[in-house]
Amino acid sequence: MKPLYWLQVVGCLLLSACQSQTDFKKLSRSMSDSSDRVADARSRIGEKLADDLAQKGLKMGMPIFLRGFKSEAQLELWMQKEQEWVLFRTYPICKVPGKLGPKRKEGDLQVPEGLYEIDVFNPKSSYHLSMRVNYPNAADLHFADPDQPGGEIYIHGACVSVGCLPLTDEKIEEVYLLTLSAHEYGQKNAPVHLFPCRMKPQKTKWLCLKEPNNCAFWENLQLAYDFWEKEQQVPKVTVNTAGFYVLEE
């Protein structure tokens, strides 16, 4: 087999082996300052982070919403202040492997596109700190390889990726602490929306011309993107029997 294939496989195996697959509720109970990395991050950047939040009328513990854009290599972190969502910071994604389009199979190097949640925190990751995105979800399973859809997709530190979203160690500390704090204050699973790009109408038309096989998928994602842009609220969604997202009324 080709050397590149083996590098991809080894990378995926290392990432999967190092990430905890413990039940979310059990794992979250262990996420206190007993974790050296979390405690160290809080000690080093906690005060500065609280000051930065206060400048926008925000504070630790407020609900989190993450929006990722593959083409622009950006991750937005929004925080909910009462009924209003406020953009706290936009982080550069250090590396985006693969191409525009959804993830459909293990080892395809694709960063997923879709509407997800954070379902696991790993304070002892090989990539400093990491948070798992719940790929594959019900929509993904409808279209992905039935035997090997892939998984173990994380937002993490370092600057390497075989399908994840690396932010560097410095950036992941902020995102991790804010998302963990929101969880500790009652947000069960922070929503994460991952898009091929900022889906303005002309961009979506360009995507469909470039990859017509993914056009129906992208037009479906456009519904959630447009809802946020218009309402500035996170849409509630379900997945229908055809594998498409449906926005709840």
Protein backbone atom coordinates (compact mmCIF):
# COMPACT_ATOMS: atom_id res chain seq x y z
CA MET A 1 0.00 0.00 0.00
CA LYS A 2 1.08 3.61 -0.53
CA PRO A 3 3.08 5.29 2.31
CA LEU A 4 0.57 8.17 2.47
CA TYR A 5 -2.26 5.71 3.16
CA TRP A 6 -0.31 4.17 6.05
CA LEU A 7 0.42 7.63 7.49
CA GLN A 8 -3.30 8.41 7.41
CA VAL A 9 -4.22 5.12 9.05
CA VAL A 10 -1.57 5.45 11.78
CA GLY A 11 -2.68 9.03 12.45
CA CYS A 12 -6.29 7.97 12.85
CA LEU A 13 -5.36 5.07 15.14
CA LEU A 14 -3.19 7.26 17.34
CA LEU A 15 -5.92 9.85 17.67
CA SER A 16 -8.58 7.25 18.46
CA ALA A 17 -6.39 5.48 21.01
CA CYS A 18 -5.53 8.66 22.83
CA GLN A 19 -9.02 10.08 23.08
CA SER A 20 -11.19 8.93 25.96
CA GLN A 21 -14.39 7.19 24.97
CA THR A 22 -15.70 7.20 28.52
CA ASP A 23 -19.37 7.98 28.98
CA PHE A 24 -19.86 11.76 28.83
CA LYS A 25 -21.50 12.06 32.25
CA LYS A 26 -18.82 10.00 33.97
CA LEU A 27 -16.05 11.88 32.23
CA SER A 28 -17.50 15.30 32.96
CA ARG A 29 -17.59 14.51 36.67
CA SER A 30 -13.81 14.13 36.59
CA MET A 31 -13.30 17.48 34.85
CA SER A 32 -12.34 19.64 37.77
CA ASP A 33 -9.12 21.36 38.67
CA SER A 34 -7.67 17.94 39.51
CA SER A 35 -6.74 17.83 35.83
CA ASP A 36 -3.28 19.40 35.68
CA ARG A 37 -3.74 20.83 32.19
CA VAL A 38 -7.10 22.39 32.96
CA ALA A 39 -5.87 23.75 36.29
CA ASP A 40 -2.73 25.11 34.66
CA ALA A 41 -4.71 26.80 31.88
CA ARG A 42 -7.10 28.37 34.39
CA SER A 43 -4.17 29.61 36.46
CA ARG A 44 -2.32 31.12 33.50
CA ILE A 45 -5.10 32.60 31.38
CA GLY A 46 -8.22 32.59 33.57
CA GLU A 47 -7.95 36.17 34.80
CA LYS A 48 -7.12 37.59 31.37
CA LEU A 49 -9.92 35.55 29.80
CA ALA A 50 -12.41 36.85 32.37
CA ASP A 51 -11.32 40.42 31.62
CA ASP A 52 -11.73 39.89 27.87
CA LEU A 53 -15.21 38.48 28.46
CA ALA A 54 -16.21 41.36 30.72
CA GLN A 55 -15.35 43.87 27.98
CA LYS A 56 -18.22 42.35 25.97
CA GLY A 57 -20.55 41.96 28.94
CA LEU A 58 -19.91 38.21 29.10
CA LYS A 59 -18.73 35.84 31.81
CA MET A 60 -17.62 32.25 32.29
CA GLY A 61 -20.47 29.75 32.34
CA MET A 62 -22.64 31.32 29.67
CA PRO A 63 -23.86 28.89 26.95
CA ILE A 64 -21.56 28.37 23.97
CA PHE A 65 -22.23 28.03 20.23
CA LEU A 66 -19.40 27.17 17.80
CA ARG A 67 -19.49 27.79 14.05
CA GLY A 68 -16.72 26.45 11.83
CA PHE A 69 -15.91 27.40 8.23
CA LYS A 70 -13.54 25.11 6.36
CA SER A 71 -12.68 27.33 3.38
CA GLU A 72 -11.91 30.33 5.61
CA ALA A 73 -10.25 28.11 8.26
CA GLN A 74 -12.12 29.89 11.06
CA LEU A 75 -13.99 28.86 14.20
CA GLU A 76 -16.39 31.37 15.76
CA LEU A 77 -17.20 31.17 19.46
CA TRP A 78 -20.52 32.75 20.43
CA MET A 79 -21.86 33.13 23.97
CA GLN A 80 -25.46 33.57 25.04
CA LYS A 81 -26.19 36.59 27.23
CA GLU A 82 -29.83 36.23 28.29
CA GLN A 83 -31.58 35.79 24.89
CA GLU A 84 -28.84 37.40 22.81
CA TRP A 85 -25.88 35.63 21.24
CA VAL A 86 -22.65 37.63 21.30
CA LEU A 87 -19.57 36.79 19.21
CA PHE A 88 -16.68 36.54 21.65
CA ARG A 89 -13.85 35.57 19.33
CA THR A 90 -13.00 34.07 15.94
CA TYR A 91 -10.15 31.58 16.08
CA PRO A 92 -7.97 30.52 13.15
CA ILE A 93 -8.09 26.81 12.42
CA CYS A 94 -4.48 25.77 12.08
CA LYS A 95 -4.99 23.10 9.41
CA VAL A 96 -7.98 21.89 7.38
CA PRO A 97 -7.25 18.60 5.59
CA GLY A 98 -9.25 17.17 2.73
CA LYS A 99 -11.51 19.23 0.49
CA LEU A 100 -14.88 20.98 0.64
CA GLY A 101 -17.64 18.45 1.18
CA PRO A 102 -18.95 16.18 3.94
CA LYS A 103 -17.12 13.32 5.59
CA ARG A 104 -18.40 9.98 4.36
CA LYS A 105 -15.82 7.34 5.26
CA GLU A 106 -13.07 6.59 7.73
CA GLY A 107 -9.68 7.65 6.42
CA ASP A 108 -11.00 10.07 3.78
CA LEU A 109 -9.24 12.98 5.58
CA GLN A 110 -12.45 14.99 5.45
CA VAL A 111 -13.47 17.41 8.18
CA PRO A 112 -17.21 16.80 8.67
CA GLU A 113 -19.84 19.30 7.59
CA GLY A 114 -23.13 19.36 9.43
CA LEU A 115 -24.92 20.24 12.65
CA TYR A 116 -23.28 18.68 15.67
CA GLU A 117 -22.67 18.93 19.41
CA ILE A 118 -19.71 18.60 21.77
CA ASP A 119 -20.24 15.30 23.56
CA VAL A 120 -16.90 14.53 25.27
CA PHE A 121 -14.10 16.55 26.87
CA ASN A 122 -10.62 15.04 27.05
CA PRO A 123 -8.25 16.92 29.40
CA LYS A 124 -5.48 14.36 28.79
CA SER A 125 -5.41 14.36 25.01
CA SER A 126 -2.24 13.72 23.03
CA TYR A 127 -3.17 17.04 21.40
CA HIS A 128 -3.08 19.01 24.66
CA LEU A 129 -6.84 19.46 25.27
CA SER A 130 -9.64 18.22 23.05
CA MET A 131 -13.42 18.21 22.69
CA ARG A 132 -15.21 15.59 20.62
CA VAL A 133 -17.74 16.50 17.93
CA ASN A 134 -20.52 13.89 17.74
CA TYR A 135 -19.83 12.79 14.16
CA PRO A 136 -21.38 10.63 12.77
CA ASN A 137 -24.84 11.90 13.62
CA ALA A 138 -28.14 10.57 12.25
CA ALA A 139 -27.79 12.57 9.03
CA ASP A 140 -24.24 11.36 8.42
CA LEU A 141 -25.15 7.71 8.99
CA HIS A 142 -27.75 7.90 6.25
CA PHE A 143 -25.12 8.74 3.60
CA ALA A 144 -21.80 7.53 5.04
CA ASP A 145 -20.11 4.19 4.49
CA PRO A 146 -22.25 1.76 6.52
CA ASP A 147 -19.27 -0.22 7.81
CA GLN A 148 -16.64 2.48 8.23
CA PRO A 149 -18.21 5.94 8.54
CA GLY A 150 -15.28 7.20 10.60
CA GLY A 151 -15.43 8.98 13.92
CA GLU A 152 -13.36 10.43 16.76
CA ILE A 153 -13.53 13.96 15.36
CA TYR A 154 -12.14 16.51 17.80
CA ILE A 155 -11.46 20.20 18.20
CA HIS A 156 -8.01 20.07 19.74
CA GLY A 157 -4.60 21.66 20.23
CA ALA A 158 -1.38 21.12 18.27
CA CYS A 159 -1.33 21.80 14.54
CA VAL A 160 -1.87 18.39 12.92
CA SER A 161 -5.06 16.87 11.55
CA VAL A 162 -6.36 13.82 9.71
CA GLY A 163 -9.93 15.12 9.79
CA CYS A 164 -10.17 17.14 12.99
CA LEU A 165 -10.06 20.87 13.78
CA PRO A 166 -6.75 21.89 15.38
CA LEU A 167 -6.49 25.35 16.95
CA THR A 168 -2.96 25.22 18.46
CA ASP A 169 -2.46 24.69 22.20
CA GLU A 170 -2.87 28.37 23.04
CA LYS A 171 -6.21 28.73 21.27
CA ILE A 172 -7.71 25.43 22.43
CA GLU A 173 -7.18 26.43 26.06
CA GLU A 174 -9.60 29.34 25.69
CA VAL A 175 -12.19 27.38 23.74
CA TYR A 176 -11.92 24.40 26.07
CA LEU A 177 -12.24 26.44 29.27
CA LEU A 178 -15.23 28.40 27.98
CA THR A 179 -17.04 25.31 26.69
CA LEU A 180 -16.25 23.30 29.82
CA SER A 181 -17.46 26.15 32.02
CA ALA A 182 -20.72 26.33 30.08
CA HIS A 183 -21.16 22.58 30.61
CA GLU A 184 -20.47 22.91 34.32
CA TYR A 185 -23.11 25.64 34.53
CA GLY A 186 -25.75 23.46 32.91
CA GLN A 187 -25.32 23.47 29.12
CA LYS A 188 -25.52 19.77 28.34
CA ASN A 189 -24.01 19.73 24.84
CA ALA A 190 -22.68 22.86 23.14
CA PRO A 191 -23.88 23.03 19.48
CA VAL A 192 -21.24 23.00 16.74
CA HIS A 193 -22.19 23.87 13.15
CA LEU A 194 -19.56 23.04 10.54
CA PHE A 195 -19.89 24.53 7.05
CA PRO A 196 -17.80 24.28 3.87
CA CYS A 197 -17.55 28.08 3.85
CA ARG A 198 -19.52 31.17 4.76
CA MET A 199 -22.56 30.22 2.73
CA LYS A 200 -23.61 33.43 1.04
CA PRO A 201 -25.89 32.73 -1.96
CA GLN A 202 -23.14 33.22 -4.53
CA LYS A 203 -20.81 30.93 -2.62
CA THR A 204 -23.40 28.17 -2.48
CA LYS A 205 -24.02 28.46 -6.23
CA TRP A 206 -20.27 28.19 -6.78
CA LEU A 207 -20.12 25.10 -4.56
CA CYS A 208 -22.91 23.43 -6.51
CA LEU A 209 -21.20 24.13 -9.82
CA LYS A 210 -17.93 22.77 -8.48
CA GLU A 211 -19.37 19.65 -6.81
CA PRO A 212 -22.90 19.00 -8.11
CA ASN A 213 -23.09 15.67 -6.27
CA ASN A 214 -23.02 17.54 -2.97
CA CYS A 215 -25.45 20.28 -4.01
CA ALA A 216 -28.53 18.85 -2.26
CA PHE A 217 -26.51 18.39 0.92
CA TRP A 218 -25.20 21.95 0.85
CA GLU A 219 -28.62 23.41 0.07
CA ASN A 220 -29.90 21.55 3.15
CA LEU A 221 -27.10 23.01 5.30
CA GLN A 222 -27.97 26.42 3.88
CA LEU A 223 -31.27 26.32 5.79
CA ALA A 224 -29.49 26.26 9.15
CA TYR A 225 -26.94 28.84 8.01
CA ASP A 226 -29.64 31.25 6.82
CA PHE A 227 -31.73 30.78 9.95
CA TRP A 228 -28.82 31.87 12.12
CA GLU A 229 -27.97 34.79 9.87
CA LYS A 230 -31.56 36.04 9.98
CA GLU A 231 -32.64 35.20 13.52
CA GLN A 232 -29.32 35.11 15.41
CA GLN A 233 -30.64 32.04 17.22
CA VAL A 234 -29.44 28.46 17.11
CA PRO A 235 -32.04 26.46 15.15
CA LYS A 236 -33.59 23.36 16.62
CA VAL A 237 -33.23 20.56 14.11
CA THR A 238 -34.25 16.96 13.54
CA VAL A 239 -33.22 14.51 10.82
CA ASN A 240 -35.88 13.07 8.51
CA THR A 241 -36.00 9.59 7.01
CA ALA A 242 -34.11 10.79 3.92
CA GLY A 243 -31.16 11.90 6.07
CA PHE A 244 -31.76 15.64 5.73
CA TYR A 245 -31.89 18.24 8.48
CA VAL A 246 -35.32 19.65 9.24
CA LEU A 247 -35.67 22.93 11.15
CA GLU A 248 -38.31 22.73 13.86
CA GLU A 249 -41.01 25.39 13.86
